[in-house]
PDB file of N, CA and C in Angstrom:
ATOM      1  N   MET A   1      82.293  70.628  76.167  1.00  0.00           N
ATOM      2  CA  MET A   1      82.926  70.465  77.461  1.00  0.00           C
ATOM      3  C   MET A   1      84.368  71.013  77.447  1.00  0.00           C
ATOM      4  N   ARG A   2      85.053  70.846  76.320  1.00  0.00           N
ATOM      5  CA  ARG A   2      86.424  71.360  76.213  1.00  0.00           C
ATOM      6  C   ARG A   2      86.449  72.878  76.327  1.00  0.00           C
ATOM      7  N   ILE A   3      85.453  73.525  75.751  1.00  0.00           N
ATOM      8  CA  ILE A   3      85.394  74.988  75.795  1.00  0.00           C
ATOM      9  C   ILE A   3      85.207  75.464  77.230  1.00  0.00           C
ATOM     10  N   VAL A   4      84.369  74.778  77.983  1.00  0.00           N
ATOM     11  CA  VAL A   4      84.134  75.144  79.383  1.00  0.00           C
ATOM     12  C   VAL A   4      85.419  74.985  80.187  1.00  0.00           C
ATOM     13  N   LYS A   5      86.121  73.880  79.991  1.00  0.00           N
ATOM     14  CA  LYS A   5      87.387  73.664  80.700  1.00  0.00           C
ATOM     15  C   LYS A   5      88.414  74.730  80.322  1.00  0.00           C
ATOM     16  N   ALA A   6      88.488  75.038  79.035  1.00  0.00           N
ATOM     17  CA  ALA A   6      89.431  76.059  78.574  1.00  0.00           C
ATOM     18  C   ALA A   6      89.097  77.419  79.177  1.00  0.00           C
ATOM     19  N   LEU A   7      87.818  77.756  79.238  1.00  0.00           N
ATOM     20  CA  LEU A   7      87.408  79.023  79.849  1.00  0.00           C
ATOM     21  C   LEU A   7      87.737  79.060  81.334  1.00  0.00           C
ATOM     22  N   LEU A   8      87.498  77.952  82.034  1.00  0.00           N
ATOM     23  CA  LEU A   8      87.821  77.890  83.461  1.00  0.00           C
ATOM     24  C   LEU A   8      89.320  78.051  83.697  1.00  0.00           C
ATOM     25  N   VAL A   9      90.118  77.406  82.866  1.00  0.00           N
ATOM     26  CA  VAL A   9      91.573  77.532  82.980  1.00  0.00           C
ATOM     27  C   VAL A   9      91.994  78.975  82.719  1.00  0.00           C
ATOM     28  N   CYS A  10      91.425  79.605  81.711  1.00  0.00           N
ATOM     29  CA  CYS A  10      91.750  81.007  81.400  1.00  0.00           C
ATOM     30  C   CYS A  10      91.390  81.926  82.560  1.00  0.00           C
ATOM     31  N   VAL A  11      90.212  81.735  83.128  1.00  0.00           N
ATOM     32  CA  VAL A  11      89.786  82.560  84.262  1.00  0.00           C
ATOM     33  C   VAL A  11      90.724  82.354  85.443  1.00  0.00           C
ATOM     34  N   LEU A  12      91.090  81.115  85.719  1.00  0.00           N
ATOM     35  CA  LEU A  12      91.996  80.815  86.823  1.00  0.00           C
ATOM     36  C   LEU A  12      93.365  81.455  86.603  1.00  0.00           C
ATOM     37  N   VAL A  13      93.892  81.338  85.394  1.00  0.00           N
ATOM     38  CA  VAL A  13      95.200  81.931  85.075  1.00  0.00           C
ATOM     39  C   VAL A  13      95.152  83.450  85.221  1.00  0.00           C
ATOM     40  N   LEU A  14      94.102  84.072  84.725  1.00  0.00           N
ATOM     41  CA  LEU A  14      93.970  85.528  84.849  1.00  0.00           C
ATOM     42  C   LEU A  14      93.844  85.957  86.306  1.00  0.00           C
ATOM     43  N   ALA A  15      93.081  85.221  87.091  1.00  0.00           N
ATOM     44  CA  ALA A  15      92.912  85.560  88.508  1.00  0.00           C
ATOM     45  C   ALA A  15      94.234  85.427  89.256  1.00  0.00           C
ATOM     46  N   LEU A  16      94.936  84.329  89.041  1.00  0.00           N
ATOM     47  CA  LEU A  16      96.225  84.134  89.711  1.00  0.00           C
ATOM     48  C   LEU A  16      97.251  85.172  89.265  1.00  0.00           C
ATOM     49  N   GLY A  17      97.264  85.491  87.985  1.00  0.00           N
ATOM     50  CA  GLY A  17      98.182  86.513  87.480  1.00  0.00           C
ATOM     51  C   GLY A  17      97.901  87.877  88.072  1.00  0.00           C
ATOM     52  N   SER A  18      96.629  88.204  88.182  1.00  0.00           N
ATOM     53  CA  SER A  18      96.235  89.488  88.756  1.00  0.00           C
ATOM     54  C   SER A  18      96.631  89.571  90.225  1.00  0.00           C
ATOM     55  N   CYS A  19      96.385  88.504  90.972  1.00  0.00           N
ATOM     56  CA  CYS A  19      96.768  88.478  92.394  1.00  0.00           C
ATOM     57  C   CYS A  19      98.280  88.567  92.544  1.00  0.00           C
ATOM     58  N   GLY A  20      98.995  87.853  91.690  1.00  0.00           N
ATOM     59  CA  GLY A  20     100.452  87.886  91.745  1.00  0.00           C
ATOM     60  C   GLY A  20     101.003  89.268  91.465  1.00  0.00           C
ATOM     61  N   GLN A  21     100.447  89.939  90.477  1.00  0.00           N
ATOM     62  CA  GLN A  21     100.886  91.296  90.146  1.00  0.00           C
ATOM     63  C   GLN A  21     100.617  92.244  91.314  1.00  0.00           C
ATOM     64  N   TYR A  22      99.441  92.126  91.918  1.00  0.00           N
ATOM     65  CA  TYR A  22      99.082  92.965  93.062  1.00  0.00           C
ATOM     66  C   TYR A  22     100.057  92.731  94.213  1.00  0.00           C
ATOM     67  N   MET A  23     100.353  91.459  94.503  1.00  0.00           N
ATOM     68  CA  MET A  23     101.255  91.139  95.608  1.00  0.00           C
ATOM     69  C   MET A  23     102.663  91.659  95.345  1.00  0.00           C
ATOM     70  N   LEU A  24     103.123  91.585  94.106  1.00  0.00           N
ATOM     71  CA  LEU A  24     104.446  92.120  93.775  1.00  0.00           C
ATOM     72  C   LEU A  24     104.486  93.636  93.943  1.00  0.00           C
ATOM     73  N   ARG A  25     103.436  94.313  93.496  1.00  0.00           N
ATOM     74  CA  ARG A  25     103.365  95.775  93.631  1.00  0.00           C
ATOM     75  C   ARG A  25     103.353  96.173  95.106  1.00  0.00           C
ATOM     76  N   GLU A  26     102.592  95.437  95.908  1.00  0.00           N
ATOM     77  CA  GLU A  26     102.525  95.730  97.336  1.00  0.00           C
ATOM     78  C   GLU A  26     103.872  95.475  98.014  1.00  0.00           C
ATOM     79  N   ALA A  27     104.536  94.388  97.666  1.00  0.00           N
ATOM     80  CA  ALA A  27     105.852  94.085  98.236  1.00  0.00           C
ATOM     81  C   ALA A  27     106.870  95.154  97.845  1.00  0.00           C
ATOM     82  N   ARG A  28     106.800  95.639  96.614  1.00  0.00           N
ATOM     83  CA  ARG A  28     107.704  96.701  96.164  1.00  0.00           C
ATOM     84  C   ARG A  28     107.453  97.985  96.960  1.00  0.00           C
ATOM     85  N   ALA A  29     106.190  98.298  97.212  1.00  0.00           N
ATOM     86  CA  ALA A  29     105.855  99.492  97.995  1.00  0.00           C
ATOM     87  C   ALA A  29     106.361  99.356  99.428  1.00  0.00           C
ATOM     88  N   GLN A  30     106.199  98.178 100.024  1.00  0.00           N
ATOM     89  CA  GLN A  30     106.686  97.939 101.386  1.00  0.00           C
ATOM     90  C   GLN A  30     108.201  98.098 101.449  1.00  0.00           C
ATOM     91  N   SER A  31     108.903  97.544 100.484  1.00  0.00           N
ATOM     92  CA  SER A  31     110.356  97.650 100.438  1.00  0.00           C
ATOM     93  C   SER A  31     110.802  99.102 100.267  1.00  0.00           C
ATOM     94  N   THR A  32     110.132  99.827  99.400  1.00  0.00           N
ATOM     95  CA  THR A  32     110.462 101.238  99.179  1.00  0.00           C
ATOM     96  C   THR A  32     110.240 102.036 100.453  1.00  0.00           C
ATOM     97  N   TYR A  33     109.137 101.768 101.142  1.00  0.00           N
ATOM     98  CA  TYR A  33     108.834 102.442 102.409  1.00  0.00           C
ATOM     99  C   TYR A  33     109.902 102.111 103.456  1.00  0.00           C
ATOM    100  N   ASP A  34     110.220 100.829 103.607  1.00  0.00           N
ATOM    101  CA  ASP A  34     111.191 100.397 104.622  1.00  0.00           C
ATOM    102  C   ASP A  34     112.579 100.985 104.384  1.00  0.00           C
ATOM    103  N   ASN A  35     112.951 101.175 103.136  1.00  0.00           N
ATOM    104  CA  ASN A  35     114.292 101.654 102.806  1.00  0.00           C
ATOM    105  C   ASN A  35     114.363 103.155 102.544  1.00  0.00           C
ATOM    106  N   ALA A  36     113.259 103.854 102.743  1.00  0.00           N
ATOM    107  CA  ALA A  36     113.239 105.306 102.514  1.00  0.00           C
ATOM    108  C   ALA A  36     114.146 106.013 103.520  1.00  0.00           C
ATOM    109  N   GLU A  37     114.800 107.067 103.063  1.00  0.00           N
ATOM    110  CA  GLU A  37     115.693 107.854 103.912  1.00  0.00           C
ATOM    111  C   GLU A  37     115.296 109.318 103.851  1.00  0.00           C
ATOM    112  N   LEU A  38     115.410 109.999 104.979  1.00  0.00           N
ATOM    113  CA  LEU A  38     115.142 111.438 105.011  1.00  0.00           C
ATOM    114  C   LEU A  38     116.003 112.141 103.972  1.00  0.00           C
ATOM    115  N   GLY A  39     115.411 113.060 103.246  1.00  0.00           N
ATOM    116  CA  GLY A  39     116.147 113.815 102.244  1.00  0.00           C
ATOM    117  C   GLY A  39     116.252 113.135 100.890  1.00  0.00           C
ATOM    118  N   GLN A  40     115.761 111.918 100.804  1.00  0.00           N
ATOM    119  CA  GLN A  40     115.782 111.175  99.542  1.00  0.00           C
ATOM    120  C   GLN A  40     114.940 111.892  98.496  1.00  0.00           C
ATOM    121  N   SER A  41     115.340 111.818  97.256  1.00  0.00           N
ATOM    122  CA  SER A  41     114.624 112.475  96.163  1.00  0.00           C
ATOM    123  C   SER A  41     113.310 111.755  95.851  1.00  0.00           C
ATOM    124  N   GLU A  42     112.291 112.541  95.547  1.00  0.00           N
ATOM    125  CA  GLU A  42     110.996 111.984  95.145  1.00  0.00           C
ATOM    126  C   GLU A  42     111.150 111.096  93.914  1.00  0.00           C
ATOM    127  N   GLN A  43     112.096 111.415  93.073  1.00  0.00           N
ATOM    128  CA  GLN A  43     112.321 110.662  91.839  1.00  0.00           C
ATOM    129  C   GLN A  43     112.632 109.197  92.124  1.00  0.00           C
ATOM    130  N   ILE A  44     113.313 108.914  93.217  1.00  0.00           N
ATOM    131  CA  ILE A  44     113.651 107.528  93.564  1.00  0.00           C
ATOM    132  C   ILE A  44     112.385 106.716  93.806  1.00  0.00           C
ATOM    133  N   VAL A  45     111.442 107.282  94.551  1.00  0.00           N
ATOM    134  CA  VAL A  45     110.179 106.589  94.820  1.00  0.00           C
ATOM    135  C   VAL A  45     109.379 106.439  93.527  1.00  0.00           C
ATOM    136  N   LEU A  46     109.342 107.488  92.722  1.00  0.00           N
ATOM    137  CA  LEU A  46     108.610 107.417  91.452  1.00  0.00           C
ATOM    138  C   LEU A  46     109.170 106.335  90.528  1.00  0.00           C
ATOM    139  N   GLU A  47     110.482 106.190  90.503  1.00  0.00           N
ATOM    140  CA  GLU A  47     111.097 105.167  89.659  1.00  0.00           C
ATOM    141  C   GLU A  47     110.731 103.765  90.129  1.00  0.00           C
ATOM    142  N   LYS A  48     110.592 103.578  91.440  1.00  0.00           N
ATOM    143  CA  LYS A  48     110.277 102.258  91.986  1.00  0.00           C
ATOM    144  C   LYS A  48     108.788 101.945  91.951  1.00  0.00           C
ATOM    145  N   LEU A  49     107.937 102.944  92.224  1.00  0.00           N
ATOM    146  CA  LEU A  49     106.508 102.686  92.393  1.00  0.00           C
ATOM    147  C   LEU A  49     105.617 103.295  91.323  1.00  0.00           C
ATOM    148  N   GLY A  50     106.155 104.179  90.521  1.00  0.00           N
ATOM    149  CA  GLY A  50     105.321 104.844  89.525  1.00  0.00           C
ATOM    150  C   GLY A  50     104.520 105.970  90.162  1.00  0.00           C
ATOM    151  N   LEU A  51     103.537 106.459  89.426  1.00  0.00           N
ATOM    152  CA  LEU A  51     102.718 107.565  89.927  1.00  0.00           C
ATOM    153  C   LEU A  51     101.868 107.114  91.109  1.00  0.00           C
ATOM    154  N   PRO A  52     101.682 107.992  92.101  1.00  0.00           N
ATOM    155  CA  PRO A  52     100.880 107.620  93.275  1.00  0.00           C
ATOM    156  C   PRO A  52      99.390 107.553  92.940  1.00  0.00           C
ATOM    157  N   ASP A  53      98.651 106.896  93.824  1.00  0.00           N
ATOM    158  CA  ASP A  53      97.196 106.812  93.675  1.00  0.00           C
ATOM    159  C   ASP A  53      96.519 108.114  94.077  1.00  0.00           C
ATOM    160  N   GLU A  54      97.119 108.830  95.020  1.00  0.00           N
ATOM    161  CA  GLU A  54      96.558 110.100  95.495  1.00  0.00           C
ATOM    162  C   GLU A  54      97.677 111.090  95.756  1.00  0.00           C
ATOM    163  N   VAL A  55      97.407 112.355  95.503  1.00  0.00           N
ATOM    164  CA  VAL A  55      98.313 113.447  95.861  1.00  0.00           C
ATOM    165  C   VAL A  55      97.494 114.410  96.705  1.00  0.00           C
ATOM    166  N   LEU A  56      97.949 114.650  97.939  1.00  0.00           N
ATOM    167  CA  LEU A  56      97.205 115.460  98.902  1.00  0.00           C
ATOM    168  C   LEU A  56      98.109 116.526  99.504  1.00  0.00           C
ATOM    169  N   GLU A  57      97.513 117.393 100.305  1.00  0.00           N
ATOM    170  CA  GLU A  57      98.302 118.340 101.088  1.00  0.00           C
ATOM    171  C   GLU A  57      98.801 117.628 102.336  1.00  0.00           C
ATOM    172  N   CYS A  58      99.939 118.051 102.838  1.00  0.00           N
ATOM    173  CA  CYS A  58     100.480 117.463 104.060  1.00  0.00           C
ATOM    174  C   CYS A  58      99.643 117.863 105.263  1.00  0.00           C
ATOM    175  N   GLY A  59      99.688 117.024 106.273  1.00  0.00           N
ATOM    176  CA  GLY A  59      98.990 117.308 107.521  1.00  0.00           C
ATOM    177  C   GLY A  59      99.824 118.182 108.431  1.00  0.00           C
ATOM    178  N   GLU A  60      99.429 118.252 109.692  1.00  0.00           N
ATOM    179  CA  GLU A  60     100.118 119.145 110.627  1.00  0.00           C
ATOM    180  C   GLU A  60     101.319 118.511 111.317  1.00  0.00           C
ATOM    181  N   HIS A  61     101.570 117.212 111.100  1.00  0.00           N
ATOM    182  CA  HIS A  61     102.714 116.550 111.730  1.00  0.00           C
ATOM    183  C   HIS A  61     103.610 115.895 110.688  1.00  0.00           C
ATOM    184  N   LEU A  62     104.868 115.705 111.068  1.00  0.00           N
ATOM    185  CA  LEU A  62     105.824 114.964 110.255  1.00  0.00           C
ATOM    186  C   LEU A  62     105.972 113.576 110.874  1.00  0.00           C
ATOM    187  N   TRP A  63     105.606 112.566 110.125  1.00  0.00           N
ATOM    188  CA  TRP A  63     105.662 111.196 110.624  1.00  0.00           C
ATOM    189  C   TRP A  63     106.880 110.495 110.054  1.00  0.00           C
ATOM    190  N   TRP A  64     107.434 109.561 110.820  1.00  0.00           N
ATOM    191  CA  TRP A  64     108.512 108.755 110.276  1.00  0.00           C
ATOM    192  C   TRP A  64     108.410 107.305 110.721  1.00  0.00           C
ATOM    193  N   ASN A  65     108.363 107.038 111.985  1.00  0.00           N
ATOM    194  CA  ASN A  65     108.344 105.654 112.473  1.00  0.00           C
ATOM    195  C   ASN A  65     106.991 105.277 113.044  1.00  0.00           C
ATOM    196  N   GLY A  66     105.958 105.391 112.244  1.00  0.00           N
ATOM    197  CA  GLY A  66     104.625 105.006 112.691  1.00  0.00           C
ATOM    198  C   GLY A  66     104.002 106.035 113.609  1.00  0.00           C
ATOM    199  N   ASP A  67     103.150 105.560 114.484  1.00  0.00           N
ATOM    200  CA  ASP A  67     102.421 106.442 115.394  1.00  0.00           C
ATOM    201  C   ASP A  67     103.296 106.813 116.587  1.00  0.00           C
ATOM    202  N   GLN A  68     103.978 107.915 116.475  1.00  0.00           N
ATOM    203  CA  GLN A  68     104.845 108.396 117.545  1.00  0.00           C
ATOM    204  C   GLN A  68     104.005 109.114 118.592  1.00  0.00           C
ATOM    205  N   ALA A  69     104.480 109.117 119.824  1.00  0.00           N
ATOM    206  CA  ALA A  69     103.761 109.796 120.901  1.00  0.00           C
ATOM    207  C   ALA A  69     103.696 111.302 120.655  1.00  0.00           C
ATOM    208  N   ASN A  70     104.794 111.902 120.276  1.00  0.00           N
ATOM    209  CA  ASN A  70     104.852 113.345 120.042  1.00  0.00           C
ATOM    210  C   ASN A  70     105.560 113.631 118.720  1.00  0.00           C
ATOM    211  N   PRO A  71     104.886 113.422 117.599  1.00  0.00           N
ATOM    212  CA  PRO A  71     105.547 113.680 116.317  1.00  0.00           C
ATOM    213  C   PRO A  71     105.824 115.166 116.144  1.00  0.00           C
ATOM    214  N   PRO A  72     106.904 115.502 115.461  1.00  0.00           N
ATOM    215  CA  PRO A  72     107.203 116.918 115.245  1.00  0.00           C
ATOM    216  C   PRO A  72     106.137 117.583 114.377  1.00  0.00           C
ATOM    217  N   LYS A  73     105.937 118.866 114.620  1.00  0.00           N
ATOM    218  CA  LYS A  73     104.976 119.651 113.834  1.00  0.00           C
ATOM    219  C   LYS A  73     105.526 119.892 112.433  1.00  0.00           C
ATOM    220  N   ASN A  74     104.619 119.954 111.488  1.00  0.00           N
ATOM    221  CA  ASN A  74     104.977 120.334 110.127  1.00  0.00           C
ATOM    222  C   ASN A  74     104.924 121.857 110.068  1.00  0.00           C
ATOM    223  N   ASN A  75     106.085 122.483 110.092  1.00  0.00           N
ATOM    224  CA  ASN A  75     106.176 123.945 110.035  1.00  0.00           C
ATOM    225  C   ASN A  75     106.446 124.412 108.614  1.00  0.00           C
ATOM    226  N   GLY A  76     105.807 123.760 107.668  1.00  0.00           N
ATOM    227  CA  GLY A  76     105.975 124.132 106.269  1.00  0.00           C
ATOM    228  C   GLY A  76     106.985 123.295 105.517  1.00  0.00           C
ATOM    229  N   GLU A  77     107.644 122.350 106.216  1.00  0.00           N
ATOM    230  CA  GLU A  77     108.629 121.510 105.536  1.00  0.00           C
ATOM    231  C   GLU A  77     107.963 120.601 104.506  1.00  0.00           C
ATOM    232  N   CYS A  78     106.830 120.018 104.874  1.00  0.00           N
ATOM    233  CA  CYS A  78     106.126 119.082 104.002  1.00  0.00           C
ATOM    234  C   CYS A  78     105.087 119.832 103.178  1.00  0.00           C
ATOM    235  N   LYS A  79     105.181 119.714 101.874  1.00  0.00           N
ATOM    236  CA  LYS A  79     104.271 120.423 100.968  1.00  0.00           C
ATOM    237  C   LYS A  79     103.363 119.484 100.177  1.00  0.00           C
ATOM    238  N   LYS A  80     103.817 118.244  99.954  1.00  0.00           N
ATOM    239  CA  LYS A  80     103.036 117.308  99.135  1.00  0.00           C
ATOM    240  C   LYS A  80     103.034 115.932  99.791  1.00  0.00           C
ATOM    241  N   TRP A  81     101.847 115.348  99.936  1.00  0.00           N
ATOM    242  CA  TRP A  81     101.654 114.041 100.562  1.00  0.00           C
ATOM    243  C   TRP A  81     101.108 113.103  99.490  1.00  0.00           C
ATOM    244  N   VAL A  82     101.832 112.032  99.186  1.00  0.00           N
ATOM    245  CA  VAL A  82     101.374 111.093  98.160  1.00  0.00           C
ATOM    246  C   VAL A  82     101.099 109.734  98.784  1.00  0.00           C
ATOM    247  N   ARG A  83     100.069 109.063  98.260  1.00  0.00           N
ATOM    248  CA  ARG A  83      99.670 107.756  98.800  1.00  0.00           C
ATOM    249  C   ARG A  83      99.643 106.701  97.707  1.00  0.00           C
ATOM    250  N   TYR A  84     100.117 105.517  98.086  1.00  0.00           N
ATOM    251  CA  TYR A  84     100.012 104.320  97.264  1.00  0.00           C
ATOM    252  C   TYR A  84      99.075 103.387  98.024  1.00  0.00           C
ATOM    253  N   ASN A  85      97.866 103.218  97.523  1.00  0.00           N
ATOM    254  CA  ASN A  85      96.802 102.513  98.237  1.00  0.00           C
ATOM    255  C   ASN A  85      96.741 101.031  97.887  1.00  0.00           C
ATOM    256  N   PHE A  86      96.494 100.230  98.918  1.00  0.00           N
ATOM    257  CA  PHE A  86      96.306  98.796  98.768  1.00  0.00           C
ATOM    258  C   PHE A  86      95.069  98.389  99.555  1.00  0.00           C
ATOM    259  N   PHE A  87      94.697  97.128  99.488  1.00  0.00           N
ATOM    260  CA  PHE A  87      93.445  96.661 100.069  1.00  0.00           C
ATOM    261  C   PHE A  87      93.363  96.913 101.579  1.00  0.00           C
ATOM    262  N   LEU A  88      94.370  96.519 102.337  1.00  0.00           N
ATOM    263  CA  LEU A  88      94.322  96.666 103.791  1.00  0.00           C
ATOM    264  C   LEU A  88      95.198  97.783 104.340  1.00  0.00           C
ATOM    265  N   HIS A  89      95.976  98.425 103.503  1.00  0.00           N
ATOM    266  CA  HIS A  89      96.813  99.518 103.984  1.00  0.00           C
ATOM    267  C   HIS A  89      97.274 100.391 102.821  1.00  0.00           C
ATOM    268  N   ALA A  90      97.938 101.487 103.187  1.00  0.00           N
ATOM    269  CA  ALA A  90      98.470 102.412 102.184  1.00  0.00           C
ATOM    270  C   ALA A  90      99.814 102.931 102.677  1.00  0.00           C
ATOM    271  N   PHE A  91     100.695 103.213 101.743  1.00  0.00           N
ATOM    272  CA  PHE A  91     101.998 103.788 102.063  1.00  0.00           C
ATOM    273  C   PHE A  91     101.986 105.237 101.603  1.00  0.00           C
ATOM    274  N   ALA A  92     102.418 106.143 102.490  1.00  0.00           N
ATOM    275  CA  ALA A  92     102.403 107.567 102.161  1.00  0.00           C
ATOM    276  C   ALA A  92     103.797 108.158 102.340  1.00  0.00           C
ATOM    277  N   PHE A  93     104.103 109.119 101.481  1.00  0.00           N
ATOM    278  CA  PHE A  93     105.386 109.813 101.519  1.00  0.00           C
ATOM    279  C   PHE A  93     105.119 111.308 101.433  1.00  0.00           C
ATOM    280  N   GLY A  94     105.808 112.087 102.291  1.00  0.00           N
ATOM    281  CA  GLY A  94     105.671 113.535 102.277  1.00  0.00           C
ATOM    282  C   GLY A  94     106.942 114.185 101.758  1.00  0.00           C
ATOM    283  N   TYR A  95     106.758 115.170 100.867  1.00  0.00           N
ATOM    284  CA  TYR A  95     107.903 115.804 100.220  1.00  0.00           C
ATOM    285  C   TYR A  95     107.927 117.310 100.458  1.00  0.00           C
ATOM    286  N   SER A  96     109.139 117.841 100.502  1.00  0.00           N
ATOM    287  CA  SER A  96     109.343 119.285 100.612  1.00  0.00           C
ATOM    288  C   SER A  96     109.083 119.934  99.254  1.00  0.00           C
ATOM    289  N   ARG A  97     109.124 121.241  99.238  1.00  0.00           N
ATOM    290  CA  ARG A  97     108.962 121.997  97.991  1.00  0.00           C
ATOM    291  C   ARG A  97     110.036 121.583  96.973  1.00  0.00           C
ATOM    292  N   GLU A  98     111.209 121.218  97.464  1.00  0.00           N
ATOM    293  CA  GLU A  98     112.320 120.823  96.588  1.00  0.00           C
ATOM    294  C   GLU A  98     112.237 119.358  96.154  1.00  0.00           C
ATOM    295  N   GLY A  99     111.220 118.627  96.599  1.00  0.00           N
ATOM    296  CA  GLY A  99     111.066 117.227  96.219  1.00  0.00           C
ATOM    297  C   GLY A  99     111.886 116.257  97.045  1.00  0.00           C
ATOM    298  N   LYS A 100     112.215 116.655  98.274  1.00  0.00           N
ATOM    299  CA  LYS A 100     112.982 115.788  99.174  1.00  0.00           C
ATOM    300  C   LYS A 100     112.042 115.167 100.206  1.00  0.00           C
ATOM    301  N   LEU A 101     112.290 113.909 100.551  1.00  0.00           N
ATOM    302  CA  LEU A 101     111.450 113.183 101.495  1.00  0.00           C
ATOM    303  C   LEU A 101     111.621 113.727 102.910  1.00  0.00           C
ATOM    304  N   VAL A 102     110.514 114.127 103.528  1.00  0.00           N
ATOM    305  CA  VAL A 102     110.559 114.672 104.888  1.00  0.00           C
ATOM    306  C   VAL A 102     109.639 113.913 105.844  1.00  0.00           C
ATOM    307  N   SER A 103     108.796 113.030 105.311  1.00  0.00           N
ATOM    308  CA  SER A 103     107.839 112.316 106.150  1.00  0.00           C
ATOM    309  C   SER A 103     107.381 111.049 105.435  1.00  0.00           C
ATOM    310  N   ARG A 104     107.023 110.045 106.215  1.00  0.00           N
ATOM    311  CA  ARG A 104     106.455 108.820 105.644  1.00  0.00           C
ATOM    312  C   ARG A 104     105.519 108.199 106.672  1.00  0.00           C
ATOM    313  N   TYR A 105     104.552 107.452 106.184  1.00  0.00           N
ATOM    314  CA  TYR A 105     103.581 106.838 107.095  1.00  0.00           C
ATOM    315  C   TYR A 105     102.933 105.652 106.400  1.00  0.00           C
ATOM    316  N   VAL A 106     102.626 104.627 107.176  1.00  0.00           N
ATOM    317  CA  VAL A 106     101.879 103.495 106.628  1.00  0.00           C
ATOM    318  C   VAL A 106     100.532 103.444 107.349  1.00  0.00           C
ATOM    319  N   TYR A 107      99.470 103.500 106.572  1.00  0.00           N
ATOM    320  CA  TYR A 107      98.107 103.399 107.100  1.00  0.00           C
ATOM    321  C   TYR A 107      97.743 101.921 107.129  1.00  0.00           C
ATOM    322  N   ARG A 108      97.262 101.450 108.271  1.00  0.00           N
ATOM    323  CA  ARG A 108      96.871 100.045 108.396  1.00  0.00           C
ATOM    324  C   ARG A 108      95.406  99.949 108.771  1.00  0.00           C
ATOM    325  N   SER A 109      94.707  99.067 108.110  1.00  0.00           N
ATOM    326  CA  SER A 109      93.301  98.827 108.414  1.00  0.00           C
ATOM    327  C   SER A 109      93.222  97.935 109.646  1.00  0.00           C
ATOM    328  N   GLU A 110      92.351  98.269 110.553  1.00  0.00           N
ATOM    329  CA  GLU A 110      92.232  97.471 111.779  1.00  0.00           C
ATOM    330  C   GLU A 110      90.902  96.792 111.860  1.00  0.00           C
TER     331      GLU A 110
END
């Protein structure tokens, strides 16, 4: 019976630790997104969040404050789109050829 209790406690501790780590990573990503500034170096985001989950090509628009009515066109300013994925949403950052932040977007699951 002691072994079963010990195993249950271990499973509970691991589950809570895993959830806590996930929540901290997500909060760090939200903070990095909220405090991002145009022209900021890609290195700043990498230092805070580590390597992204996905690296993609940029789309045809430059996003900054969510779903804008008429977002500016991407006329070649944005070259690399990186995503940090989470369960219900993802944070994305777009960078110029020089590694400067030119776009950001948060994907939300509805």
